[in-house]
Protein backbone atom coordinates (compact mmCIF):
# COMPACT_ATOMS: atom_id res chain seq x y z
CA MET A 1 -23.85 19.08 -40.81
CA PRO A 2 -22.91 21.64 -39.05
CA GLN A 3 -19.13 21.47 -38.00
CA PRO A 4 -18.39 21.57 -34.39
CA LEU A 5 -17.25 24.71 -32.73
CA GLN A 6 -13.47 24.53 -32.06
CA ILE A 7 -12.61 25.43 -28.51
CA GLN A 8 -9.16 26.09 -27.60
CA LEU A 9 -8.39 24.19 -23.91
CA GLN A 10 -6.84 27.05 -22.27
CA ASP A 11 -10.23 29.33 -23.27
CA ALA A 12 -12.27 26.46 -22.12
CA LYS A 13 -13.50 27.34 -19.00
CA GLN A 14 -13.85 30.99 -19.58
CA TRP A 15 -16.52 29.91 -22.59
CA ILE A 16 -18.34 27.40 -20.27
CA ASP A 17 -18.91 30.25 -17.65
CA LYS A 18 -20.16 32.22 -20.13
CA GLU A 19 -22.18 30.02 -21.60
CA THR A 20 -23.72 28.75 -18.80
CA ALA A 21 -23.93 31.93 -16.50
CA SER A 22 -27.62 32.76 -17.21
CA LEU A 23 -28.43 28.98 -15.54
CA ILE A 24 -25.81 29.09 -13.27
CA GLU A 25 -25.81 32.39 -11.61
CA PRO A 26 -29.64 32.02 -10.25
CA LEU A 27 -29.20 28.62 -8.89
CA LYS A 28 -26.19 30.19 -7.04
CA GLY A 29 -27.98 32.80 -6.06
CA LYS A 30 -31.14 30.46 -4.88
CA ALA A 31 -28.20 28.07 -3.09
CA SER A 32 -27.06 31.18 -1.08
CA SER A 33 -30.33 32.08 -0.15
CA LEU A 34 -31.08 28.39 1.17
CA LEU A 35 -27.83 28.34 3.28
CA THR A 36 -28.91 32.29 4.74
CA GLU A 37 -32.35 30.59 5.54
CA VAL A 38 -30.32 27.53 6.91
CA GLN A 39 -27.97 29.56 9.24
CA VAL A 40 -30.96 31.55 10.67
CA ARG A 41 -32.84 28.33 11.43
CA ILE A 42 -29.79 26.80 12.92
CA GLU A 43 -29.34 30.43 15.31
CA ASP A 44 -33.12 29.71 16.23
CA THR A 45 -32.09 26.42 17.34
CA VAL A 46 -29.42 27.90 19.47
CA GLN A 47 -31.39 30.42 20.93
CA SER A 48 -34.15 28.23 21.59
CA SER A 49 -31.40 25.60 23.30
CA LYS A 50 -29.82 28.30 25.27
CA LYS A 51 -33.27 29.36 26.91
CA ILE A 52 -33.56 25.72 28.01
CA LEU A 53 -30.19 26.30 29.39
CA GLU A 54 -30.90 29.65 31.40
CA ASN A 55 -34.37 28.71 32.64
CA SER A 56 -32.79 25.37 33.75
CA GLU A 57 -29.84 27.05 35.45
CA GLY A 58 -32.09 29.24 37.71
CA GLU A 59 -34.58 26.64 38.53
CA MET A 60 -31.58 24.59 39.51
CA ASN A 61 -30.29 27.47 42.31
CA LYS A 62 -33.48 27.20 43.69
CA ASN A 63 -32.77 24.19 45.06
CA ASN A 64 -36.24 22.98 44.96
CA PRO A 65 -36.09 18.88 45.48
CA LYS A 66 -39.35 18.35 43.55
CA THR A 67 -37.42 19.94 40.32
CA HIS A 68 -33.81 19.92 40.74
CA ARG A 69 -33.57 16.77 38.99
CA PHE A 70 -35.68 17.78 35.85
CA ALA A 71 -33.62 20.89 36.01
CA ARG A 72 -30.42 19.10 35.86
CA ASN A 73 -31.43 17.09 33.08
CA ALA A 74 -32.38 19.75 30.96
CA ASN A 75 -29.27 21.52 31.55
CA LYS A 76 -27.51 18.78 30.41
CA PHE A 77 -29.64 18.55 27.40
CA ALA A 78 -29.18 22.14 26.66
CA GLN A 79 -25.53 21.39 26.65
CA ASN A 80 -25.23 18.59 24.25
CA LEU A 81 -27.87 20.48 22.11
CA ASP A 82 -25.53 23.38 21.98
CA GLY A 83 -22.20 21.34 21.59
CA THR A 84 -23.91 19.65 18.46
CA ILE A 85 -25.22 22.48 16.94
CA LYS A 86 -21.64 24.32 16.85
CA ALA A 87 -20.04 21.89 14.78
CA LEU A 88 -22.18 23.08 11.70
CA ALA A 89 -20.19 25.27 9.73
CA ILE A 90 -22.08 27.15 6.65
CA PRO A 91 -19.54 26.54 3.61
CA ASP A 92 -17.74 29.61 2.22
CA ASP A 93 -18.26 28.44 -1.33
CA ILE A 94 -20.97 27.56 -3.36
CA SER A 95 -20.51 24.50 -5.14
CA TYR A 96 -22.06 21.44 -5.70
CA GLU A 97 -19.37 19.48 -3.79
CA GLU A 98 -19.31 21.63 -0.68
CA LEU A 99 -23.71 21.81 -0.53
CA HIS A 100 -23.55 18.11 -1.07
CA ALA A 101 -21.18 17.60 1.92
CA PHE A 102 -22.65 20.47 3.93
CA CYS A 103 -26.15 18.90 3.61
CA ASN A 104 -24.92 15.57 4.83
CA GLY A 105 -23.76 16.93 7.41
CA LEU A 106 -26.67 18.69 8.27
CA GLU A 107 -28.81 15.59 7.77
CA LYS A 108 -26.48 13.87 10.03
CA THR A 109 -26.51 16.73 13.24
CA PHE A 110 -30.59 17.14 13.22
CA ALA A 111 -30.69 13.27 13.33
CA SER A 112 -28.15 13.53 16.58
CA LEU A 113 -30.46 15.95 18.08
CA ALA A 114 -33.73 14.35 17.43
CA GLN A 115 -31.59 11.17 19.39
CA LEU A 116 -30.64 13.80 22.08
CA ARG A 117 -34.34 15.17 22.35
CA ALA A 118 -36.11 11.30 22.23
CA GLU A 119 -33.28 10.63 25.12
CA ALA A 120 -33.97 14.04 27.10
CA TYR A 121 -37.54 14.88 27.12
CA PRO A 122 -39.08 11.78 29.38
CA TYR A 123 -36.60 12.91 32.25
CA ILE A 124 -37.68 16.48 31.80
CA SER A 125 -41.38 16.18 31.39
CA PRO A 126 -43.53 17.54 32.42
CA TYR A 127 -41.03 20.66 33.33
CA PHE A 128 -39.83 23.36 30.92
CA ILE A 129 -42.74 22.79 28.59
CA PHE A 130 -43.01 26.22 26.90
CA ASP A 131 -39.02 25.76 26.20
CA ARG A 132 -39.61 22.58 24.73
CA ARG A 133 -42.32 23.95 22.75
CA ARG A 134 -40.20 26.49 21.00
CA LEU A 135 -37.50 23.85 20.72
CA ASP A 136 -39.92 21.83 19.06
CA VAL A 137 -40.93 24.49 16.67
CA SER A 138 -37.22 25.43 15.94
CA PHE A 139 -36.11 21.58 15.25
CA LYS A 140 -39.09 21.57 12.96
CA ARG A 141 -38.18 24.78 10.90
CA LEU A 142 -34.67 23.43 10.75
CA TYR A 143 -36.19 19.89 9.61
CA ASP A 144 -38.05 22.04 6.72
CA ILE A 145 -35.08 23.72 5.59
CA THR A 146 -32.98 20.74 5.44
CA LYS A 147 -35.50 18.95 3.25
CA GLU A 148 -35.91 21.70 0.92
CA LEU A 149 -31.80 21.88 0.63
CA ARG A 150 -31.88 18.55 -0.04
CA SER A 151 -34.23 18.74 -3.09
CA PHE A 152 -32.83 21.73 -4.71
CA ILE A 153 -29.45 20.04 -4.44
CA THR A 154 -30.68 16.62 -5.88
CA THR A 155 -33.09 18.31 -8.52
CA LYS A 156 -32.17 21.96 -9.79
CA TYR A 157 -28.72 22.53 -8.65
CA ALA A 158 -27.84 19.42 -10.94
CA ARG A 159 -27.79 21.45 -13.91
CA ALA A 160 -24.94 23.72 -12.08
CA LYS A 161 -23.39 20.14 -10.87
CA THR A 162 -22.78 19.27 -14.80
CA ALA A 163 -20.83 22.86 -15.23
CA GLU A 164 -18.69 22.25 -12.39
CA ASP A 165 -17.96 18.62 -14.05
CA ALA A 166 -17.39 20.41 -17.19
CA ARG A 167 -14.39 22.88 -15.53
CA SER A 168 -13.14 19.86 -13.36
CA LEU A 169 -12.72 17.88 -16.80
CA VAL A 170 -10.63 21.01 -17.93
CA ASP A 171 -8.43 20.71 -15.07
CA ARG A 172 -8.16 16.86 -15.23
CA LEU A 173 -7.36 17.21 -18.74
CA GLN A 174 -4.61 20.31 -18.54
CA LEU A 175 -3.13 17.69 -16.08
CA THR A 176 -3.36 14.79 -17.80
CA ILE A 177 -1.54 16.71 -20.92
CA SER A 178 0.67 18.18 -18.38
CA GLU A 179 1.80 14.87 -17.48
CA ALA A 180 2.01 13.64 -20.92
CA LYS A 181 4.17 15.93 -22.10
CA GLN A 182 6.68 15.47 -19.34
CA ASN A 183 6.46 11.68 -19.85
CA GLN A 184 7.31 12.49 -23.32
CA GLU A 185 10.29 14.33 -22.48
CA ASN A 186 11.55 11.68 -20.12
CA MET A 187 11.30 9.60 -22.77
CA LYS A 188 13.44 11.30 -24.90
CA GLN A 189 16.18 11.69 -22.24
CA THR A 190 15.67 7.65 -21.05
CA GLU A 191 16.48 7.09 -25.03
CA GLU A 192 19.06 9.57 -25.12
CA LYS A 193 20.89 7.77 -22.38
CA ARG A 194 20.22 4.47 -23.91
CA GLN A 195 21.77 5.20 -27.27
CA THR A 196 24.56 6.68 -25.16
CA LEU A 197 24.95 3.38 -22.92
CA GLU A 198 24.48 1.38 -26.37
CA ASN A 199 27.92 3.25 -28.14
CA GLU A 200 29.64 3.04 -24.53
CA ILE A 201 28.99 -0.92 -24.47
CA VAL A 202 30.28 -1.35 -28.25
CA GLU A 203 33.46 0.84 -28.20
CA THR A 204 33.96 -1.25 -24.69
CA LYS A 205 33.43 -4.87 -25.99
CA GLN A 206 35.82 -3.58 -29.42
CA LYS A 207 38.67 -2.42 -26.78
CA ILE A 208 38.48 -5.99 -25.29
CA GLY A 209 38.51 -7.51 -28.29
CA GLU A 210 41.57 -5.73 -29.07
CA LEU A 211 43.17 -6.50 -26.02
CA GLN A 212 42.54 -10.09 -26.27
CA GLY A 213 43.59 -10.51 -29.74
CA LYS A 214 46.83 -9.62 -28.49
CA ALA A 215 49.52 -12.52 -28.62
CA GLU A 216 50.62 -12.45 -25.02
CA LEU A 217 47.03 -12.41 -23.42
CA ASN A 218 45.43 -14.54 -25.96
CA GLU A 219 47.73 -17.28 -24.84
CA VAL A 220 47.01 -16.71 -21.29
CA LEU A 221 43.60 -16.73 -22.41
CA LYS A 222 43.74 -20.06 -24.27
CA LEU A 223 45.64 -21.70 -21.42
CA GLU A 224 42.77 -20.26 -19.10
CA GLN A 225 40.42 -22.14 -21.21
CA LYS A 226 42.52 -25.38 -21.31
CA ILE A 227 42.58 -25.48 -17.14
CA ARG A 228 39.19 -25.09 -16.90
CA GLU A 229 38.48 -28.48 -19.47
CA LEU A 230 41.42 -29.90 -17.60
CA ARG A 231 39.39 -29.11 -14.23
CA GLU A 232 36.39 -31.26 -15.77
CA ASN A 233 38.71 -34.06 -16.82
CA VAL A 234 40.32 -34.42 -13.45
CA LYS A 235 36.95 -33.88 -11.60
CA HIS A 236 35.41 -36.73 -14.08
CA SER A 237 38.25 -39.12 -13.61
CA LEU A 238 37.69 -39.47 -9.64
CA ARG A 239 34.30 -38.91 -9.91
CA HIS A 240 33.50 -42.31 -8.36
CA LEU A 241 36.27 -41.94 -5.28
CA GLN A 242 34.51 -38.25 -4.43
CA LYS A 243 31.75 -39.68 -1.97
CA PRO A 244 34.23 -42.36 -0.62
CA PHE A 245 36.74 -39.62 -0.37
CA PHE A 246 34.44 -37.68 2.02
CA LYS A 247 33.30 -41.01 3.78
CA LEU A 248 37.12 -41.78 4.48
CA GLN A 249 37.70 -37.94 5.63
CA SER A 250 35.25 -38.23 8.11
CA LEU A 251 36.25 -41.72 9.56
CA ALA A 252 39.88 -40.49 9.74
CA ARG A 253 38.30 -37.05 11.91
CA THR A 254 36.88 -39.87 14.49
CA GLY A 255 39.98 -41.91 14.57
CA GLU A 256 38.15 -44.98 12.92
CA ALA A 257 41.05 -44.76 9.64
CA MET A 258 44.39 -44.03 10.34
CA VAL A 259 45.56 -41.23 7.78
CA PRO A 260 48.64 -38.97 8.24
CA LEU A 261 48.39 -35.15 8.76
CA ASP A 262 49.55 -34.60 5.38
CA GLU A 263 47.61 -37.39 3.65
CA MET A 264 44.49 -35.58 5.55
CA ASN A 265 45.59 -32.22 4.02
CA LYS A 266 46.21 -33.57 0.61
CA LEU A 267 42.84 -35.59 0.70
CA GLY A 268 41.02 -31.96 1.70
CA ASP A 269 42.90 -30.94 -1.78
CA TYR A 270 41.31 -33.30 -3.47
CA LEU A 271 37.98 -32.64 -2.19
CA ASN A 272 38.41 -29.09 -2.46
CA ASP A 273 40.30 -28.31 -6.12
CA PRO A 274 41.27 -32.12 -7.57
CA LEU A 275 43.13 -30.31 -10.34
CA MET A 276 45.13 -28.25 -8.20
CA ALA A 277 46.08 -31.27 -5.71
CA LEU A 278 46.77 -33.64 -8.98
CA ALA A 279 49.24 -31.09 -10.49
CA THR A 280 51.00 -30.13 -7.02
CA GLU A 281 52.07 -33.97 -6.62
CA GLU A 282 55.33 -35.18 -7.27
CA SER A 283 55.24 -37.14 -11.08
CA GLY A 284 52.99 -40.75 -10.35
CA TYR A 285 51.10 -38.81 -7.43
CA PRO A 286 52.28 -41.22 -4.74
CA THR A 287 50.18 -39.48 -1.97
CA LEU A 288 46.88 -39.84 -4.15
CA LYS A 289 47.91 -43.37 -4.40
CA SER A 290 48.73 -43.94 -0.76
CA ILE A 291 45.35 -42.01 0.02
CA ILE A 292 43.41 -44.64 -2.04
CA LYS A 293 45.14 -47.23 -0.66
CA LYS A 294 44.10 -46.71 2.59
CA LEU A 295 40.67 -45.98 0.68
CA TYR A 296 40.55 -50.12 -0.30
CA SER A 297 41.67 -51.21 3.41
CA THR A 298 38.75 -49.07 4.71
CA ILE A 299 36.40 -50.46 1.89
CA GLU A 300 38.06 -54.40 2.61
CA GLN A 301 37.34 -53.68 6.24
CA GLY A 302 33.34 -52.84 5.73
CA LYS A 303 34.08 -49.67 7.56
CA LEU A 304 32.78 -47.65 4.35
CA LYS A 305 29.00 -47.49 4.42
CA LEU A 306 27.98 -47.29 0.85
CA LYS A 307 25.40 -48.87 -1.49
CA SER A 308 27.13 -51.59 -3.15
CA THR A 309 26.72 -49.72 -6.50
CA ARG A 310 29.26 -47.18 -5.60
CA ILE A 311 31.86 -49.31 -4.04
CA ARG A 312 31.68 -51.46 -7.06
CA LYS A 313 33.07 -48.39 -9.21
CA ALA A 314 34.93 -47.05 -6.62
CA LYS A 315 36.60 -50.55 -6.52
CA ASP A 316 36.91 -49.71 -10.53
CA GLN A 317 38.37 -46.40 -10.25
CA ILE A 318 40.93 -47.47 -7.51
CA ASN A 319 42.32 -50.46 -9.79
CA MET A 320 42.50 -48.01 -13.13
CA VAL A 321 45.09 -45.54 -10.73
CA LEU A 322 47.10 -47.57 -8.92
CA ASN A 323 47.62 -50.24 -11.50
CA GLN A 324 47.17 -49.19 -14.51
CA ASP A 325 48.32 -45.43 -14.20
CA SER A 326 44.70 -43.84 -15.42
CA LEU A 327 45.95 -40.44 -14.25
CA GLU A 328 49.39 -40.01 -15.31
CA GLN A 329 49.25 -38.90 -18.88
CA LEU A 330 46.31 -36.03 -17.35
CA GLN A 331 48.95 -35.29 -14.77
CA LYS A 332 51.47 -34.51 -16.77
CA THR A 333 49.46 -32.34 -19.11
CA CYS A 334 48.07 -30.34 -16.10
CA LYS A 335 51.58 -29.59 -14.98
CA GLU A 336 52.82 -28.66 -18.24
CA THR A 337 49.65 -26.06 -18.72
CA LEU A 338 50.20 -24.40 -15.14
CA SER A 339 53.82 -23.90 -15.37
CA GLN A 340 53.13 -22.43 -18.89
CA ARG A 341 50.57 -19.77 -17.35
CA ASN A 342 52.36 -19.06 -14.45
CA HIS A 343 55.41 -18.65 -16.68
CA LEU A 344 53.19 -15.79 -18.71
CA LEU A 345 51.86 -14.28 -15.80
CA THR A 346 55.28 -12.81 -14.88
CA SER A 347 55.84 -10.55 -17.22
CA GLU A 348 54.84 -7.16 -16.55
CA THR A 349 53.36 -6.52 -20.25
CA LEU A 350 51.13 -9.12 -19.46
CA LYS A 351 49.79 -8.03 -15.78
CA THR A 352 49.48 -4.58 -17.35
CA MET A 353 47.11 -5.94 -20.26
CA GLN A 354 45.22 -8.13 -17.69
CA ASN A 355 44.24 -5.23 -15.27
CA GLN A 356 43.20 -3.16 -18.61
CA LEU A 357 41.37 -6.09 -19.56
CA THR A 358 39.55 -6.66 -15.62
CA GLN A 359 38.87 -3.18 -15.44
CA LEU A 360 37.06 -3.11 -19.07
CA GLN A 361 35.45 -6.18 -18.13
CA ASN A 362 34.00 -4.68 -14.98
CA GLN A 363 32.95 -1.79 -16.91
CA LEU A 364 31.29 -3.43 -19.61
CA GLU A 365 29.18 -5.80 -16.96
CA GLU A 366 28.42 -1.92 -14.97
CA LEU A 367 27.12 -0.58 -18.48
CA GLN A 368 25.09 -3.29 -19.52
CA LYS A 369 23.21 -3.45 -16.02
CA GLU A 370 22.78 0.14 -16.20
CA TYR A 371 21.98 -0.66 -20.19
CA GLY A 372 19.09 -3.05 -18.84
CA PHE A 373 17.95 -0.54 -16.00
CA VAL A 374 17.45 2.13 -18.70
CA THR A 375 15.87 0.05 -21.31
CA ALA A 376 13.16 -1.27 -18.85
CA ARG A 377 12.74 2.42 -17.64
CA GLY A 378 12.15 3.33 -21.44
CA MET A 379 9.31 0.83 -21.77
CA SER A 380 7.87 1.71 -18.64
CA GLN A 381 7.76 5.29 -19.72
CA ARG A 382 5.96 4.19 -23.28
CA GLU A 383 3.14 1.95 -21.44
CA GLU A 384 2.73 5.16 -19.09
CA GLN A 385 2.98 7.21 -22.01
CA ARG A 386 0.19 5.02 -23.57
CA ARG A 387 -1.99 5.12 -20.54
CA LEU A 388 -1.69 8.84 -20.65
CA GLN A 389 -2.67 9.30 -24.29
CA GLU A 390 -5.54 7.24 -23.62
CA ARG A 391 -6.91 8.84 -20.95
CA THR A 392 -6.63 12.54 -22.52
CA GLU A 393 -8.16 11.43 -25.50
CA HIS A 394 -11.17 9.91 -22.86
CA LEU A 395 -11.08 13.06 -21.00
CA THR A 396 -11.59 14.97 -24.00
CA LYS A 397 -14.27 13.23 -25.23
CA GLU A 398 -16.04 13.70 -21.69
CA LEU A 399 -15.81 17.28 -21.87
CA GLU A 400 -17.16 17.51 -25.21
CA LYS A 401 -20.24 15.36 -24.31
CA THR A 402 -20.44 17.00 -21.25
CA VAL A 403 -20.81 20.62 -22.71
CA LEU A 404 -23.22 19.56 -25.23
CA GLU A 405 -25.56 18.07 -22.44
CA LEU A 406 -25.09 21.28 -20.48
CA THR A 407 -25.32 24.17 -23.61
CA ASN A 408 -27.06 22.03 -26.53
CA LYS A 409 -23.89 23.18 -28.31
CA THR A 410 -21.19 20.41 -30.09
CA VAL A 411 -17.84 21.43 -29.58
CA GLN A 412 -14.23 20.40 -30.35
CA ILE A 413 -11.70 21.03 -27.81
CA VAL A 414 -8.38 21.93 -29.52
CA TRP A 415 -4.85 21.63 -27.65
CA ALA A 416 -1.32 21.07 -28.75
CA GLY A 417 -0.46 17.56 -28.86
């Protein structure tokens, strides 16, 4: 089996033109001849239309009541013909697409002319008979050349279309390869950016770890963690009073329950941040106890509209707070922990370290966000490269197949990958 002929992509158009010249040039010559004949027949139709226009104007100027209406109709008909025909433009370049588009336009124009004729003739007859005959001859000759042009395009010029398709495939293949090369370069830049961000993230995490490892800051971080845990504990210890507290607050605002202003403010604190509310109370949390007593009184009076299970659980928790001092140790721990943290936070060294830590954490967050964007962009570019590669291979095979069909020669299109 003979080896396929290798053709460089940049030389493909020139090679195709050379191989198909003996086939294509005569077809282009025939197409040019047909277009010239079309132009002649269009001009003939225009002249026939002008003849009707001139004769109808002459007849209208006679002011003959018998013929004036027919002349006016003929004049309008001629004007419409002229406007429709002038919309046609002979293509400058000869190609299948140009010829096909022109032939479509020519057929539509002829159909419009035929419709104008059919609509106008009944209102012109029996006058201008010689002008109408001349126009009909022009129409027939234009129709015949239109049919001939269509037949030529769909049969004989199909081979030329194949050559044009091959040239178009060369352009599309070159464009796709160019896009793939550019995308490859973009992928390289994206990967470099991703590696840089990855290194910066590692370095920033190391700096954060080193800073967090320092004794002062490490102690504050431990206390912060402990405070978070205490906040959950306090919230859990008062969980069955949360809903009743909201109800009591509403009743106090409407005057249905009597709660002093200072206790109302403290009640709001217990609803917003139970930990800080408990820690800032005097030991033994007297304000909370006073609020709870009013809550219990409201429950006993039946003013608190809650499910029986909620009421029962609330009473159990009220009993534990008032009679068993269930929050005493928790309050002490909260006060001590907050005091230790506040004491540490007064250190200028620690403030500096905290500022540095905050900056580094913000920097890390931005780096990780950008890293995510860059990673996603890299994935998109890799998918685009796969698509471009598939398109390149498809276009290459299509071009080789088209060349074989056109020249009966097996070729291999070569391009730098």
